[in-house]
Structure formats: structure tokens, C-alpha cells
N, C-alpha and C. Protein backbone atom coordinates (compact mmCIF):
# COMPACT_ATOMS: atom_id res chain seq x y z
N MET A 1 0.85 -1.21 0.14
CA MET A 1 -0.09 -0.02 -0.22
C MET A 1 0.68 1.26 0.17
N LYS A 2 0.41 1.95 -0.85
CA LYS A 2 1.87 3.48 -1.03
C LYS A 2 0.51 4.51 0.00
N VAL A 3 1.72 4.93 0.83
CA VAL A 3 1.33 6.48 1.27
C VAL A 3 0.67 7.60 0.26
N ASN A 4 -0.41 8.09 0.88
CA ASN A 4 -0.93 9.45 0.72
C ASN A 4 -0.38 10.60 1.43
N LYS A 5 -0.23 11.78 0.47
CA LYS A 5 0.18 12.31 1.68
C LYS A 5 -0.34 13.53 2.43
N GLU A 6 -1.99 13.07 1.55
CA GLU A 6 -3.05 13.76 2.22
C GLU A 6 -3.08 13.38 3.29
N PHE A 7 -3.09 12.12 4.04
CA PHE A 7 -3.71 11.25 5.20
C PHE A 7 -2.64 11.19 6.36
N LEU A 8 -1.29 11.88 5.91
CA LEU A 8 0.09 12.32 6.95
C LEU A 8 -0.17 13.69 7.50
N ILE A 9 -0.82 13.36 8.79
CA ILE A 9 -1.06 15.02 9.71
C ILE A 9 0.24 14.92 10.24
N PRO A 10 0.57 16.32 10.17
CA PRO A 10 2.52 17.12 11.02
C PRO A 10 1.77 17.40 11.84
N PHE A 11 2.01 16.88 13.42
CA PHE A 11 1.73 17.00 14.27
C PHE A 11 2.33 18.14 15.10
N VAL A 12 3.89 18.06 14.69
CA VAL A 12 4.83 18.85 15.94
C VAL A 12 4.61 20.41 15.37
N GLY A 13 4.23 21.21 14.27
CA GLY A 13 4.22 22.36 14.32
C GLY A 13 2.68 22.74 14.68
N LEU A 14 1.72 22.59 15.23
CA LEU A 14 0.41 22.29 15.76
C LEU A 14 0.66 22.74 17.03
N LYS A 15 -0.10 23.92 17.72
CA LYS A 15 -0.54 24.28 18.85
C LYS A 15 -1.17 23.60 19.46
N GLN A 16 -1.32 23.44 21.09
CA GLN A 16 -2.19 23.06 21.55
C GLN A 16 -3.71 23.53 21.46
N GLY A 17 -4.31 22.30 21.58
CA GLY A 17 -5.61 22.96 21.44
C GLY A 17 -6.37 21.90 19.89
N LYS A 18 -7.38 22.63 19.48
CA LYS A 18 -8.47 21.68 18.72
C LYS A 18 -7.89 22.01 17.29
N HIS A 19 -7.47 21.05 16.41
CA HIS A 19 -7.62 21.50 15.35
C HIS A 19 -8.37 20.52 14.30
N GLN A 20 -9.30 20.90 13.06
CA GLN A 20 -9.57 20.33 12.07
C GLN A 20 -9.39 19.96 11.05
N PHE A 21 -9.66 18.92 10.30
CA PHE A 21 -9.77 18.46 9.06
C PHE A 21 -10.74 17.67 8.21
N GLU A 22 -10.81 18.14 6.89
CA GLU A 22 -11.42 16.84 5.75
C GLU A 22 -11.31 16.23 5.20
N PHE A 23 -11.60 15.16 4.92
CA PHE A 23 -11.45 14.53 3.54
C PHE A 23 -12.02 14.05 2.80
N ASP A 24 -12.30 14.25 1.41
CA ASP A 24 -13.39 13.41 0.70
C ASP A 24 -12.49 12.27 0.02
N ILE A 25 -13.37 11.26 0.68
CA ILE A 25 -13.31 10.13 0.08
C ILE A 25 -13.76 9.11 -0.82
N ASP A 26 -13.32 8.94 -2.16
CA ASP A 26 -13.51 8.21 -3.08
C ASP A 26 -13.23 6.57 -3.28
N LYS A 27 -13.71 6.04 -4.46
CA LYS A 27 -13.17 4.84 -5.09
C LYS A 27 -12.07 5.19 -5.06
N LYS A 28 -11.03 6.08 -5.58
CA LYS A 28 -9.77 5.75 -5.39
C LYS A 28 -8.68 5.20 -3.90
N PHE A 29 -9.55 6.17 -3.50
CA PHE A 29 -8.89 5.77 -1.66
C PHE A 29 -8.77 4.17 -1.56
N PHE A 30 -10.27 3.73 -1.71
CA PHE A 30 -10.20 1.97 -1.58
C PHE A 30 -9.27 1.54 -2.45
N GLU A 31 -8.74 1.67 -3.74
CA GLU A 31 -8.23 0.89 -4.29
C GLU A 31 -6.73 0.87 -4.04
N THR A 32 -6.24 2.16 -3.07
CA THR A 32 -4.61 1.92 -2.39
C THR A 32 -4.51 0.80 -1.54
N PHE A 33 -6.06 0.08 -0.85
CA PHE A 33 -5.97 -0.91 -0.02
C PHE A 33 -6.45 -2.07 -0.65
N ASN A 34 -6.47 -2.15 -1.91
CA ASN A 34 -6.57 -3.19 -2.56
C ASN A 34 -8.06 -3.69 -2.35
N PHE A 35 -8.97 -2.44 -2.03
CA PHE A 35 -10.46 -3.44 -2.26
C PHE A 35 -11.38 -2.87 -2.58
N ASP A 36 -11.86 -3.53 -3.54
CA ASP A 36 -13.00 -3.35 -4.44
C ASP A 36 -14.60 -3.91 -4.54
N ASP A 37 -15.21 -4.14 -3.83
CA ASP A 37 -16.79 -4.45 -2.78
C ASP A 37 -17.18 -3.36 -3.21
N TYR A 38 -16.84 -1.95 -3.49
CA TYR A 38 -17.87 -0.51 -3.62
C TYR A 38 -17.85 -0.91 -4.88
N ASN A 39 -19.07 -0.42 -5.60
CA ASN A 39 -18.50 -0.04 -7.04
C ASN A 39 -18.40 1.92 -7.11
N ASP A 40 -19.08 2.49 -6.08
CA ASP A 40 -18.46 3.67 -6.30
C ASP A 40 -18.82 4.18 -4.58
N VAL A 41 -17.84 5.21 -4.19
CA VAL A 41 -17.97 6.05 -2.56
C VAL A 41 -18.17 7.50 -3.29
N SER A 42 -18.48 7.82 -2.36
CA SER A 42 -18.96 9.19 -1.96
C SER A 42 -18.84 9.14 -0.30
N VAL A 43 -17.88 9.40 0.26
CA VAL A 43 -17.69 9.91 1.95
C VAL A 43 -17.24 11.39 2.30
N LYS A 44 -17.72 11.83 2.86
CA LYS A 44 -16.74 13.23 3.53
C LYS A 44 -16.37 12.94 5.15
N VAL A 45 -15.64 12.73 5.52
CA VAL A 45 -14.54 12.44 6.67
C VAL A 45 -14.23 14.03 7.32
N LYS A 46 -14.97 14.40 9.05
CA LYS A 46 -14.33 15.05 9.40
C LYS A 46 -13.50 14.77 10.63
N MET A 47 -12.80 15.03 10.84
CA MET A 47 -11.42 14.82 12.16
C MET A 47 -10.80 16.11 12.71
N VAL A 48 -11.11 16.02 14.15
CA VAL A 48 -10.44 16.75 15.13
C VAL A 48 -9.24 16.19 15.73
N LEU A 49 -8.29 17.27 15.37
CA LEU A 49 -7.15 16.53 16.60
C LEU A 49 -7.02 17.58 17.78
N ASP A 50 -7.14 16.93 18.57
CA ASP A 50 -6.86 17.74 19.99
C ASP A 50 -5.74 17.12 20.24
N LYS A 51 -4.76 18.43 20.44
CA LYS A 51 -3.31 18.61 20.62
C LYS A 51 -2.98 18.46 22.52
N LYS A 52 -3.08 17.72 22.92
CA LYS A 52 -2.10 18.40 24.43
C LYS A 52 -0.98 18.11 24.64
N SER A 53 -0.69 18.34 25.98
CA SER A 53 1.47 18.00 26.02
C SER A 53 2.06 17.05 26.32
N THR A 54 1.10 15.97 26.56
CA THR A 54 1.49 14.23 26.41
C THR A 54 0.52 13.79 25.12
N MET A 55 0.22 13.96 24.88
CA MET A 55 -1.25 12.68 24.17
C MET A 55 -1.82 13.71 23.18
N MET A 56 -2.48 12.81 22.21
CA MET A 56 -3.45 13.62 20.90
C MET A 56 -4.55 12.45 21.03
N GLU A 57 -5.72 13.68 20.79
CA GLU A 57 -6.77 12.48 20.60
C GLU A 57 -7.35 12.76 19.26
N LEU A 58 -7.94 11.87 18.58
CA LEU A 58 -7.96 11.96 17.12
C LEU A 58 -9.83 11.53 17.24
N SER A 59 -10.61 12.68 17.03
CA SER A 59 -12.17 12.29 16.30
C SER A 59 -12.87 12.19 14.95
N PHE A 60 -13.16 11.21 14.57
CA PHE A 60 -13.69 11.10 13.20
C PHE A 60 -14.78 11.21 13.20
N LYS A 61 -15.27 11.66 12.31
CA LYS A 61 -17.07 11.34 12.00
C LYS A 61 -17.15 11.18 9.73
N HIS A 62 -17.54 10.27 9.93
CA HIS A 62 -18.02 10.12 8.67
C HIS A 62 -19.63 9.97 8.03
N LYS A 63 -19.34 10.77 7.00
CA LYS A 63 -20.96 10.46 6.41
C LYS A 63 -21.02 10.58 4.48
N GLY A 64 -22.03 9.76 4.05
CA GLY A 64 -21.90 9.63 2.77
C GLY A 64 -22.48 8.04 2.40
N THR A 65 -22.44 7.91 0.71
CA THR A 65 -23.06 6.59 0.38
C THR A 65 -21.91 6.15 -0.21
N VAL A 66 -22.48 4.60 -0.29
CA VAL A 66 -21.26 3.65 -0.87
C VAL A 66 -22.31 2.81 -2.09
N ASN A 67 -21.91 2.65 -2.89
CA ASN A 67 -23.11 2.12 -3.86
C ASN A 67 -22.18 0.74 -4.18
N VAL A 68 -23.46 -0.17 -3.78
CA VAL A 68 -23.47 -1.59 -3.31
C VAL A 68 -24.10 -2.43 -4.24
N PRO A 69 -23.98 -3.73 -4.84
CA PRO A 69 -25.35 -4.43 -5.18
C PRO A 69 -26.01 -5.03 -3.72
N CYS A 70 -27.50 -5.07 -3.80
CA CYS A 70 -28.21 -5.45 -3.15
C CYS A 70 -28.57 -6.96 -3.18
N ASP A 71 -28.31 -7.56 -1.82
CA ASP A 71 -28.54 -8.96 -1.50
C ASP A 71 -29.04 -9.01 -2.09
N ILE A 72 -30.54 -8.58 -2.35
CA ILE A 72 -31.20 -9.47 -2.74
C ILE A 72 -32.02 -9.69 -4.16
N SER A 73 -31.71 -8.44 -4.46
CA SER A 73 -32.40 -8.44 -6.28
C SER A 73 -30.79 -8.17 -6.62
N ASN A 74 -29.93 -8.02 -6.32
CA ASN A 74 -28.67 -7.79 -6.66
C ASN A 74 -28.15 -6.47 -7.97
N GLU A 75 -29.35 -5.56 -7.89
CA GLU A 75 -28.81 -4.42 -8.12
C GLU A 75 -28.45 -3.45 -7.41
N ASP A 76 -27.31 -2.39 -8.43
CA ASP A 76 -26.51 -1.52 -7.85
C ASP A 76 -27.16 -0.54 -7.00
N PHE A 77 -27.37 0.07 -5.31
CA PHE A 77 -27.97 0.92 -5.55
C PHE A 77 -26.98 2.06 -3.93
N ASP A 78 -27.43 3.16 -3.88
CA ASP A 78 -26.16 3.59 -3.26
C ASP A 78 -26.75 3.57 -1.16
N LEU A 79 -26.06 3.07 -0.81
CA LEU A 79 -26.18 2.50 0.35
C LEU A 79 -25.54 4.26 1.68
N PRO A 80 -26.28 5.03 2.20
CA PRO A 80 -26.36 5.96 3.05
C PRO A 80 -25.44 5.23 4.10
N ILE A 81 -24.32 5.79 4.43
CA ILE A 81 -23.42 5.38 5.71
C ILE A 81 -23.21 6.44 6.53
N LYS A 82 -22.94 6.42 7.75
CA LYS A 82 -22.14 7.52 8.95
C LYS A 82 -21.59 6.70 9.94
N GLY A 83 -20.85 7.09 10.57
CA GLY A 83 -19.94 6.98 11.73
C GLY A 83 -19.30 7.12 12.19
N LYS A 84 -18.10 6.94 13.71
CA LYS A 84 -17.93 7.87 14.52
C LYS A 84 -16.39 6.85 15.20
N LEU A 85 -15.24 7.18 15.06
CA LEU A 85 -14.29 6.86 15.99
C LEU A 85 -13.34 7.57 16.28
N ASP A 86 -13.13 7.31 17.90
CA ASP A 86 -12.20 8.28 18.70
C ASP A 86 -11.03 7.44 18.77
N LEU A 87 -9.90 7.64 18.78
CA LEU A 87 -8.92 7.54 18.73
C LEU A 87 -7.55 8.53 19.54
N ILE A 88 -6.74 7.58 20.57
CA ILE A 88 -5.79 8.23 21.44
C ILE A 88 -4.32 8.26 21.32
N VAL A 89 -3.78 8.90 20.77
CA VAL A 89 -2.58 9.09 20.18
C VAL A 89 -1.87 9.01 21.59
N LYS A 90 -0.37 8.42 21.94
CA LYS A 90 -0.03 8.49 23.06
C LYS A 90 1.69 8.21 22.14
N PHE A 91 2.77 8.83 22.77
CA PHE A 91 3.97 8.58 22.87
C PHE A 91 4.68 7.14 23.52
N GLY A 92 5.81 6.17 22.89
CA GLY A 92 6.67 5.48 23.83
C GLY A 92 7.55 4.83 23.35
N GLU A 93 8.33 3.98 23.18
CA GLU A 93 9.55 3.97 22.67
C GLU A 93 9.58 2.92 21.29
N GLU A 94 8.17 2.13 21.00
CA GLU A 94 8.40 1.88 19.54
C GLU A 94 6.36 2.28 18.96
N PHE A 95 6.47 2.12 17.78
CA PHE A 95 5.03 1.96 17.12
C PHE A 95 4.54 0.26 17.91
N ASN A 96 2.75 0.84 18.20
CA ASN A 96 2.13 -0.24 18.59
C ASN A 96 0.81 0.58 17.90
N ASP A 97 0.12 -0.37 17.42
CA ASP A 97 -0.92 -0.70 17.25
C ASP A 97 -2.18 -1.72 17.56
N ASP A 98 -1.79 -2.06 18.84
CA ASP A 98 -2.13 -3.68 18.66
C ASP A 98 -3.59 -3.02 19.46
N ASN A 99 -3.96 -1.94 19.69
CA ASN A 99 -5.36 -1.60 20.50
C ASN A 99 -6.11 -0.87 19.34
N ASP A 100 -7.57 -1.26 19.43
CA ASP A 100 -8.11 0.25 18.66
C ASP A 100 -8.54 0.81 18.80
N GLU A 101 -8.43 1.80 20.08
CA GLU A 101 -8.50 3.02 20.55
C GLU A 101 -7.56 3.72 20.73
N MET A 102 -6.35 3.13 20.89
CA MET A 102 -4.78 3.61 21.00
C MET A 102 -3.71 3.31 19.64
N LEU A 103 -3.38 4.41 19.77
CA LEU A 103 -2.01 4.58 18.60
C LEU A 103 -0.86 4.52 19.41
N ILE A 104 0.26 4.07 19.59
CA ILE A 104 0.98 4.39 20.40
C ILE A 104 2.34 5.03 19.37
N LEU A 105 3.21 6.31 19.02
CA LEU A 105 3.86 6.23 18.14
C LEU A 105 5.39 6.36 19.08
N PRO A 106 6.43 6.35 18.40
CA PRO A 106 7.77 6.42 18.78
C PRO A 106 8.46 8.14 19.23
N HIS A 107 9.10 7.82 19.99
CA HIS A 107 9.10 9.35 20.71
C HIS A 107 10.01 9.97 19.41
N GLY A 108 10.11 11.32 19.05
CA GLY A 108 10.74 11.77 18.01
C GLY A 108 9.61 11.96 16.66
N GLU A 109 8.60 11.21 16.56
CA GLU A 109 7.74 11.27 15.55
C GLU A 109 6.92 12.25 15.04
N TYR A 110 7.21 12.65 14.19
CA TYR A 110 6.45 13.77 14.45
C TYR A 110 5.44 14.10 13.11
N GLN A 111 4.81 13.10 12.46
CA GLN A 111 3.32 12.82 11.88
C GLN A 111 2.70 11.81 12.53
N VAL A 112 1.39 11.53 11.95
CA VAL A 112 0.40 10.62 11.84
C VAL A 112 -0.36 9.91 10.76
N ASP A 113 -0.65 8.85 10.27
CA ASP A 113 -1.30 8.46 8.75
C ASP A 113 -2.32 8.04 9.98
N VAL A 114 -3.43 8.66 9.11
CA VAL A 114 -4.70 8.15 9.35
C VAL A 114 -6.00 7.77 8.25
N SER A 115 -5.00 7.14 7.53
CA SER A 115 -5.85 6.94 6.10
C SER A 115 -6.16 5.22 6.85
N GLN A 116 -5.13 4.78 7.69
CA GLN A 116 -5.87 2.65 7.95
C GLN A 116 -7.42 3.39 8.79
N TYR A 117 -7.41 3.98 9.53
CA TYR A 117 -8.49 3.91 10.67
C TYR A 117 -9.33 4.69 9.52
N ILE A 118 -9.51 5.66 8.44
CA ILE A 118 -10.72 6.15 7.85
C ILE A 118 -11.04 5.02 7.11
N TYR A 119 -10.14 3.74 6.64
CA TYR A 119 -10.55 3.16 5.77
C TYR A 119 -11.68 1.84 6.73
N GLU A 120 -10.92 1.57 7.87
CA GLU A 120 -11.90 0.82 8.56
C GLU A 120 -13.12 1.11 9.45
N MET A 121 -13.03 2.56 9.63
CA MET A 121 -14.38 3.50 9.97
C MET A 121 -15.29 2.81 8.69
N ILE A 122 -14.96 3.27 7.95
CA ILE A 122 -16.17 3.10 6.88
C ILE A 122 -16.25 1.97 6.70
N VAL A 123 -15.29 0.96 6.59
CA VAL A 123 -15.80 -0.52 6.26
C VAL A 123 -16.66 -1.30 7.15
N LEU A 124 -15.87 -1.09 8.41
CA LEU A 124 -17.19 -1.32 9.45
C LEU A 124 -18.32 -0.81 9.93
N SER A 125 -18.90 0.44 9.05
CA SER A 125 -20.17 1.27 8.84
C SER A 125 -20.97 0.65 7.94
N VAL A 126 -20.33 -0.17 7.25
CA VAL A 126 -21.45 -0.53 5.78
C VAL A 126 -21.96 -1.93 6.55
N PRO A 127 -23.50 -2.16 6.69
CA PRO A 127 -23.88 -3.42 7.28
C PRO A 127 -23.40 -4.52 6.19
N LEU A 128 -23.27 -5.66 7.06
CA LEU A 128 -23.32 -7.16 6.21
C LEU A 128 -24.14 -7.18 5.49
N LYS A 129 -25.61 -6.97 5.44
CA LYS A 129 -26.71 -7.41 4.72
C LYS A 129 -27.01 -6.30 3.97
N ARG A 130 -26.84 -5.82 2.90
CA ARG A 130 -27.28 -5.16 1.93
C ARG A 130 -28.52 -4.71 1.37
N ILE A 131 -29.92 -4.32 1.91
CA ILE A 131 -30.78 -4.59 1.34
C ILE A 131 -31.16 -2.93 0.77
N ASN A 132 -32.03 -2.50 -0.62
CA ASN A 132 -32.03 -2.10 -1.23
C ASN A 132 -33.35 -1.40 -0.60
N PRO A 133 -33.25 -0.23 0.14
CA PRO A 133 -34.09 0.75 0.72
C PRO A 133 -35.81 0.45 -0.09
N SER A 134 -35.52 0.63 -1.35
CA SER A 134 -37.07 0.38 -2.12
C SER A 134 -37.52 -0.95 -1.92
N LEU A 135 -36.78 -1.87 -1.89
CA LEU A 135 -37.75 -3.50 -1.77
C LEU A 135 -37.94 -3.08 -0.28
N LYS A 136 -37.77 -2.51 0.65
CA LYS A 136 -38.61 -2.46 2.18
C LYS A 136 -39.93 -1.59 1.95
N SER A 137 -39.79 -0.40 1.16
CA SER A 137 -40.73 0.04 0.94
C SER A 137 -41.56 -0.44 0.24
N GLY A 138 -41.29 -0.71 -0.95
CA GLY A 138 -42.06 -1.89 -1.83
C GLY A 138 -42.23 -1.23 -3.17
N ASP A 139 -41.18 -0.26 -3.14
CA ASP A 139 -41.36 0.10 -4.89
C ASP A 139 -40.95 -0.82 -5.80
N ASN A 140 -39.80 -1.72 -5.58
CA ASN A 140 -39.95 -2.25 -6.57
C ASN A 140 -40.50 -3.78 -6.37
N ALA A 141 -42.03 -3.89 -6.62
CA ALA A 141 -42.77 -4.83 -6.60
C ALA A 141 -42.90 -6.08 -7.40
N ASP A 142 -42.11 -5.32 -8.61
CA ASP A 142 -42.17 -6.64 -9.81
C ASP A 142 -40.90 -7.37 -9.32
N VAL A 143 -40.04 -6.74 -8.69
CA VAL A 143 -38.43 -8.23 -8.49
C VAL A 143 -39.09 -8.81 -7.36
N LEU A 144 -39.73 -7.75 -6.31
CA LEU A 144 -40.17 -8.67 -5.21
C LEU A 144 -41.06 -10.33 -5.65
N ASN A 145 -41.83 -9.78 -6.91
CA ASN A 145 -43.08 -11.13 -7.34
C ASN A 145 -41.95 -11.94 -8.09
N ARG A 146 -41.12 -11.24 -8.67
CA ARG A 146 -40.50 -12.47 -9.63
C ARG A 146 -39.91 -13.48 -8.80
N LEU A 147 -39.16 -12.55 -7.21
CA LEU A 147 -38.18 -13.51 -6.21
C LEU A 147 -39.48 -14.53 -5.35
N GLU A 148 -40.04 -13.78 -5.64
CA GLU A 148 -41.26 -14.67 -4.60
C GLU A 148 -41.79 -16.27 -5.52
N GLU A 149 -42.14 -16.00 -7.01
CA GLU A 149 -42.53 -16.69 -8.12
C GLU A 149 -40.55 -18.12 -7.85
N LEU A 150 -40.06 -17.32 -7.97
CA LEU A 150 -38.71 -18.39 -7.77
C LEU A 150 -38.14 -19.06 -6.61
N ALA A 151 -38.86 -18.48 -5.76
CA ALA A 151 -38.73 -18.85 -3.91
C ALA A 151 -39.19 -20.45 -4.26
N PRO A 152 -38.50 -21.54 -3.50
CA PRO A 152 -38.56 -22.67 -3.17
C PRO A 152 -39.87 -23.03 -3.13
N LYS A 153 -41.08 -24.32 -3.11
CA LYS A 153 -42.08 -24.24 -2.94
C LYS A 153 -42.43 -25.33 -1.72
N GLU A 154 -41.35 -25.89 -1.00
CA GLU A 154 -41.20 -27.11 -0.09
C GLU A 154 -41.86 -26.73 0.96
N GLN A 155 -42.09 -25.23 1.22
CA GLN A 155 -43.26 -24.77 2.61
C GLN A 155 -44.37 -25.36 2.33
N ASN A 156 -45.23 -24.68 1.16
CA ASN A 156 -46.81 -25.41 0.60
C ASN A 156 -46.57 -27.61 0.84
N LYS A 157 -45.78 -27.76 0.18
CA LYS A 157 -45.78 -29.26 0.40
C LYS A 157 -45.60 -29.68 1.79
N ASP A 158 -45.18 -29.03 2.89
CA ASP A 158 -44.95 -29.24 4.23
C ASP A 158 -46.45 -29.57 4.37
N LYS A 159 -47.04 -28.40 4.74
CA LYS A 159 -48.54 -27.66 5.35
C LYS A 159 -49.51 -29.42 4.84
N ASN A 160 -49.31 -29.59 3.38
CA ASN A 160 -50.25 -30.75 2.73
C ASN A 160 -49.52 -31.85 3.08
N GLU A 161 -48.47 -31.99 3.59
CA GLU A 161 -48.52 -33.71 4.49
C GLU A 161 -48.98 -33.44 5.71
N GLU A 162 -48.80 -32.70 6.19
CA GLU A 162 -49.27 -32.65 8.21
C GLU A 162 -50.76 -32.92 8.05
N GLN A 163 -51.28 -32.07 6.45
CA GLN A 163 -53.11 -32.32 6.87
C GLN A 163 -53.44 -33.85 6.45
N SER A 164 -52.89 -34.72 5.45
CA SER A 164 -53.03 -36.00 5.01
C SER A 164 -52.30 -36.91 5.85
N THR A 165 -52.58 -37.38 6.81
CA THR A 165 -51.77 -38.24 7.66
C THR A 165 -52.29 -39.52 7.48
N ASP A 166 -51.30 -40.50 7.41
CA ASP A 166 -51.87 -41.74 7.56
C ASP A 166 -53.03 -42.35 8.97
N PRO A 167 -54.25 -42.94 8.71
CA PRO A 167 -55.25 -43.03 9.93
C PRO A 167 -54.92 -44.43 10.60
N ARG A 168 -53.76 -45.04 9.92
CA ARG A 168 -53.03 -45.60 11.30
C ARG A 168 -52.14 -44.93 12.20
N TRP A 169 -51.43 -43.71 11.88
CA TRP A 169 -51.32 -42.87 13.20
C TRP A 169 -52.10 -41.92 13.59
N ASP A 170 -52.95 -41.99 12.98
CA ASP A 170 -54.41 -41.33 14.04
C ASP A 170 -54.83 -41.99 15.28
N SER A 171 -55.15 -43.11 14.89
CA SER A 171 -54.95 -44.45 15.81
C SER A 171 -54.48 -44.05 17.21
N LEU A 172 -52.97 -44.10 16.76
CA LEU A 172 -51.99 -44.32 17.75
C LEU A 172 -51.93 -43.11 18.38
N LYS A 173 -52.31 -42.17 17.91
CA LYS A 173 -52.01 -40.29 18.55
C LYS A 173 -53.37 -40.46 19.28
N LYS A 174 -54.57 -41.33 19.08
CA LYS A 174 -55.60 -41.26 20.39
C LYS A 174 -55.04 -42.04 21.23
N LEU A 175 -54.44 -42.95 21.44
CA LEU A 175 -53.80 -43.51 22.46
C LEU A 175 -53.36 -42.79 23.08
N LEU A 176 -52.29 -41.53 22.62
CA LEU A 176 -51.98 -41.07 23.01
C LEU A 176 -52.57 -39.64 24.33
N THR A 177 -53.43 -39.53 23.36
CA THR A 177 -54.29 -38.03 23.85
C THR A 177 -55.46 -38.85 24.91
N ASP A 178 -55.57 -39.61 25.10
CA ASP A 178 -56.98 -40.48 26.01
C ASP A 178 -56.07 -40.63 26.95
N ASN A 179 -54.78 -40.93 27.10
CA ASN A 179 -54.21 -41.61 28.43
C ASN A 179 -54.32 -40.17 29.44
N LYS A 180 -54.25 -39.30 28.75
CA LYS A 180 -54.04 -38.10 29.78
C LYS A 180 -55.19 -37.43 30.14
């Protein structure tokens, strides 16, 4: 993965306090991570860096859409997403990003790469089951009708089998109910 300079935040020259950054995320951003599950991406990320004397707090918020195929109808649609992520940046002997909520940078580091955190935040905000909202509202009735036609008919077969049972079993069932 190549490093994009847009996502390298140089914090050494910043004064203590809050600093705001904005990023426009598109499909090219995900291509740098070799991630091609989305047809198109349009997400705006706002980040607030709160620089303190011994640490930094990064607060990410994102809102936008990703174009994905529907899991039911397989039609592409724009899925609205939003989310947030808070990250604490501390300084230590060596780089450590094992904790999801804390990043440790080595002493002497002058910038932080936020691209991985933006990537993970967006990917985790997309639900596993992607259903086009027009299917839920009934706008695509023709698609739903076609899916119903193609659905397996075993459910109806089970109901018919329960209604027509062998008369010998009916006699045995009477024995069970008479003893109670």
C-alpha cells in the first residue's frame, strides 16, 4: 500500500488545542487498499485533532454513500452510511497499534498516518446485509413478485403433508391423548 500524503497529519508544528481536518473519500482511496467491494464511494470525513502536552485525541466522523449491489435483487444502489471513531495517540518507545482505541508512536515522530483508521471506520459502518431501501418500501414490487415466483415451494408441500396423515397414525395418536 502506498502512503498518500493527504492523510499524513504533521502534528509537530501545531499548537495545543483543537484542529480540524476534512477528507473527501472516493473509490480511488479504497483502490490503494486493494478493496473493490464498492462500485462507487462518496464519503466526507471530518477529523478533529485535540493536541495536548503528552498525547493527542483524534475524533473522526463520516457521512456519505457507497454504491453496492443489493443482496436480494442484485441491483446496484447507493447505501447511506455514517459513523464515528475516537483514537488516542500516545508516545512511547516503539510503534504499537495493537489496541483499536489507542496508537503509540515512537518519541521523535512528527506525523501520523490516519488513512488506515478512515478505511476501517468506513468499511465497518457498511452493514453485512445490504438491502435496497426501495425493496423495503415496496417500490420494486415487480422484483419482489419475481423473487416470490422463484422461491422454493417446499413450504406448501410440508403443510399438505401435515393435513393428510396415515389413518393408522391417527389411531395411535388417540391412545396418547386418551391416557391424559
